[in-house]
Amino acid sequence: MFKRNINYALLFEHCNSIHTFFMKENIDVIMCNKDNEILFYFPNIGKNKVILPKKDVSKVIELPCNYFNIKIKEKLFFK
């Protein structure tokens, strides 16, 4: 929140919804299940938006626009 020129991703575990209140620039949002399988991908979300809770989502990743080239059902691996 309140940042510009974001160049990193944020992982929110045990989370199934987000809002973009107080954001200064658009972001991409990836929503995964407990096995890190991508269930939802929301590109270029603008400020003051809400993504309501989604079934089976347990992780939300917020990242700069066009940071990854991903597809639904792909699996993510975290180090």
C-alpha atoms as a PDB file:
ATOM      1  CA  MET A   1       0.000   0.000   0.000  1.00  0.00           C
ATOM      2  CA  PHE A   2       1.045   3.578  -0.664  1.00  0.00           C
ATOM      3  CA  LYS A   3       3.985   2.444  -2.866  1.00  0.00           C
ATOM      4  CA  ARG A   4       4.987   3.129  -6.457  1.00  0.00           C
ATOM      5  CA  ASN A   5       7.379   1.201  -8.721  1.00  0.00           C
ATOM      6  CA  ILE A   6       6.711  -2.128  -7.023  1.00  0.00           C
ATOM      7  CA  ASN A   7       9.272  -4.732  -8.144  1.00  0.00           C
ATOM      8  CA  TYR A   8       8.528  -7.674  -5.843  1.00  0.00           C
ATOM      9  CA  ALA A   9       5.703 -10.079  -5.024  1.00  0.00           C
ATOM     10  CA  LEU A  10       3.856 -10.547  -1.731  1.00  0.00           C
ATOM     11  CA  LEU A  11       2.484 -13.910  -0.591  1.00  0.00           C
ATOM     12  CA  PHE A  12      -0.512 -13.981   1.763  1.00  0.00           C
ATOM     13  CA  GLU A  13      -1.092 -17.441   3.200  1.00  0.00           C
ATOM     14  CA  HIS A  14      -4.448 -18.483   4.683  1.00  0.00           C
ATOM     15  CA  CYS A  15      -6.123 -15.816   2.558  1.00  0.00           C
ATOM     16  CA  ASN A  16      -8.845 -16.075  -0.097  1.00  0.00           C
ATOM     17  CA  SER A  17      -9.709 -12.447  -0.955  1.00  0.00           C
ATOM     18  CA  ILE A  18      -8.003  -9.059  -1.335  1.00  0.00           C
ATOM     19  CA  HIS A  19      -8.667  -5.382  -1.849  1.00  0.00           C
ATOM     20  CA  THR A  20      -6.591  -2.719  -3.558  1.00  0.00           C
ATOM     21  CA  PHE A  21      -7.561   0.248  -1.413  1.00  0.00           C
ATOM     22  CA  PHE A  22      -4.644   2.664  -0.890  1.00  0.00           C
ATOM     23  CA  MET A  23      -2.683   1.175  -3.825  1.00  0.00           C
ATOM     24  CA  LYS A  24      -0.779   3.657  -5.991  1.00  0.00           C
ATOM     25  CA  GLU A  25      -0.476   1.429  -9.077  1.00  0.00           C
ATOM     26  CA  ASN A  26      -2.144  -1.591 -10.660  1.00  0.00           C
ATOM     27  CA  ILE A  27      -1.125  -5.129  -9.703  1.00  0.00           C
ATOM     28  CA  ASP A  28      -1.625  -8.721 -10.866  1.00  0.00           C
ATOM     29  CA  VAL A  29      -3.202 -11.185  -8.437  1.00  0.00           C
ATOM     30  CA  ILE A  30      -2.722 -14.966  -8.388  1.00  0.00           C
ATOM     31  CA  MET A  31      -4.901 -17.147  -6.163  1.00  0.00           C
ATOM     32  CA  CYS A  32      -3.765 -20.704  -5.344  1.00  0.00           C
ATOM     33  CA  ASN A  33      -5.077 -23.689  -3.437  1.00  0.00           C
ATOM     34  CA  LYS A  34      -3.202 -25.421  -0.606  1.00  0.00           C
ATOM     35  CA  ASP A  35      -1.189 -27.424  -3.179  1.00  0.00           C
ATOM     36  CA  ASN A  36      -0.004 -24.211  -4.922  1.00  0.00           C
ATOM     37  CA  GLU A  37      -2.101 -24.888  -8.010  1.00  0.00           C
ATOM     38  CA  ILE A  38      -3.246 -21.648  -9.640  1.00  0.00           C
ATOM     39  CA  LEU A  39      -7.029 -21.372  -9.485  1.00  0.00           C
ATOM     40  CA  PHE A  40      -7.527 -17.720 -10.427  1.00  0.00           C
ATOM     41  CA  TYR A  41      -5.440 -15.057 -12.166  1.00  0.00           C
ATOM     42  CA  PHE A  42      -6.494 -11.408 -12.203  1.00  0.00           C
ATOM     43  CA  PRO A  43      -4.202  -9.244 -14.371  1.00  0.00           C
ATOM     44  CA  ASN A  44      -3.896  -5.481 -14.065  1.00  0.00           C
ATOM     45  CA  ILE A  45      -6.218  -4.880 -11.088  1.00  0.00           C
ATOM     46  CA  GLY A  46      -6.725  -1.164 -10.502  1.00  0.00           C
ATOM     47  CA  LYS A  47      -6.980   0.721  -7.237  1.00  0.00           C
ATOM     48  CA  ASN A  48     -10.077   0.548  -5.012  1.00  0.00           C
ATOM     49  CA  LYS A  49     -11.111  -2.917  -6.232  1.00  0.00           C
ATOM     50  CA  VAL A  50     -12.219  -5.930  -4.183  1.00  0.00           C
ATOM     51  CA  ILE A  51     -11.799  -9.589  -5.076  1.00  0.00           C
ATOM     52  CA  LEU A  52     -14.346 -11.431  -2.978  1.00  0.00           C
ATOM     53  CA  PRO A  53     -13.517 -14.724  -1.247  1.00  0.00           C
ATOM     54  CA  LYS A  54     -13.012 -17.611  -3.660  1.00  0.00           C
ATOM     55  CA  LYS A  55     -13.719 -21.249  -2.901  1.00  0.00           C
ATOM     56  CA  ASP A  56     -10.677 -23.505  -2.330  1.00  0.00           C
ATOM     57  CA  VAL A  57      -8.217 -20.566  -2.361  1.00  0.00           C
ATOM     58  CA  SER A  58      -5.703 -20.599   0.489  1.00  0.00           C
ATOM     59  CA  LYS A  59      -2.919 -18.338  -0.858  1.00  0.00           C
ATOM     60  CA  VAL A  60      -2.963 -14.978  -2.602  1.00  0.00           C
ATOM     61  CA  ILE A  61       0.030 -13.502  -4.398  1.00  0.00           C
ATOM     62  CA  GLU A  62       0.137  -9.811  -5.278  1.00  0.00           C
ATOM     63  CA  LEU A  63       2.749  -8.816  -7.842  1.00  0.00           C
ATOM     64  CA  PRO A  64       3.603  -6.093 -10.359  1.00  0.00           C
ATOM     65  CA  CYS A  65       1.681  -6.173 -13.634  1.00  0.00           C
ATOM     66  CA  ASN A  66       3.089  -8.651 -16.177  1.00  0.00           C
ATOM     67  CA  TYR A  67       5.640  -9.997 -13.653  1.00  0.00           C
ATOM     68  CA  PHE A  68       4.924 -13.638 -14.595  1.00  0.00           C
ATOM     69  CA  ASN A  69       3.500 -15.349 -17.653  1.00  0.00           C
ATOM     70  CA  ILE A  70       1.214 -17.888 -15.962  1.00  0.00           C
ATOM     71  CA  LYS A  71      -1.756 -20.089 -16.735  1.00  0.00           C
ATOM     72  CA  ILE A  72      -4.628 -21.426 -14.667  1.00  0.00           C
ATOM     73  CA  LYS A  73      -3.952 -24.961 -13.309  1.00  0.00           C
ATOM     74  CA  GLU A  74      -0.158 -24.486 -13.361  1.00  0.00           C
ATOM     75  CA  LYS A  75       1.597 -25.249 -10.088  1.00  0.00           C
ATOM     76  CA  LEU A  76       3.872 -22.796  -8.303  1.00  0.00           C
ATOM     77  CA  PHE A  77       6.932 -23.744  -6.286  1.00  0.00           C
ATOM     78  CA  PHE A  78       8.250 -21.518  -3.508  1.00  0.00           C
ATOM     79  CA  LYS A  79      11.806 -21.466  -2.151  1.00  0.00           C
END
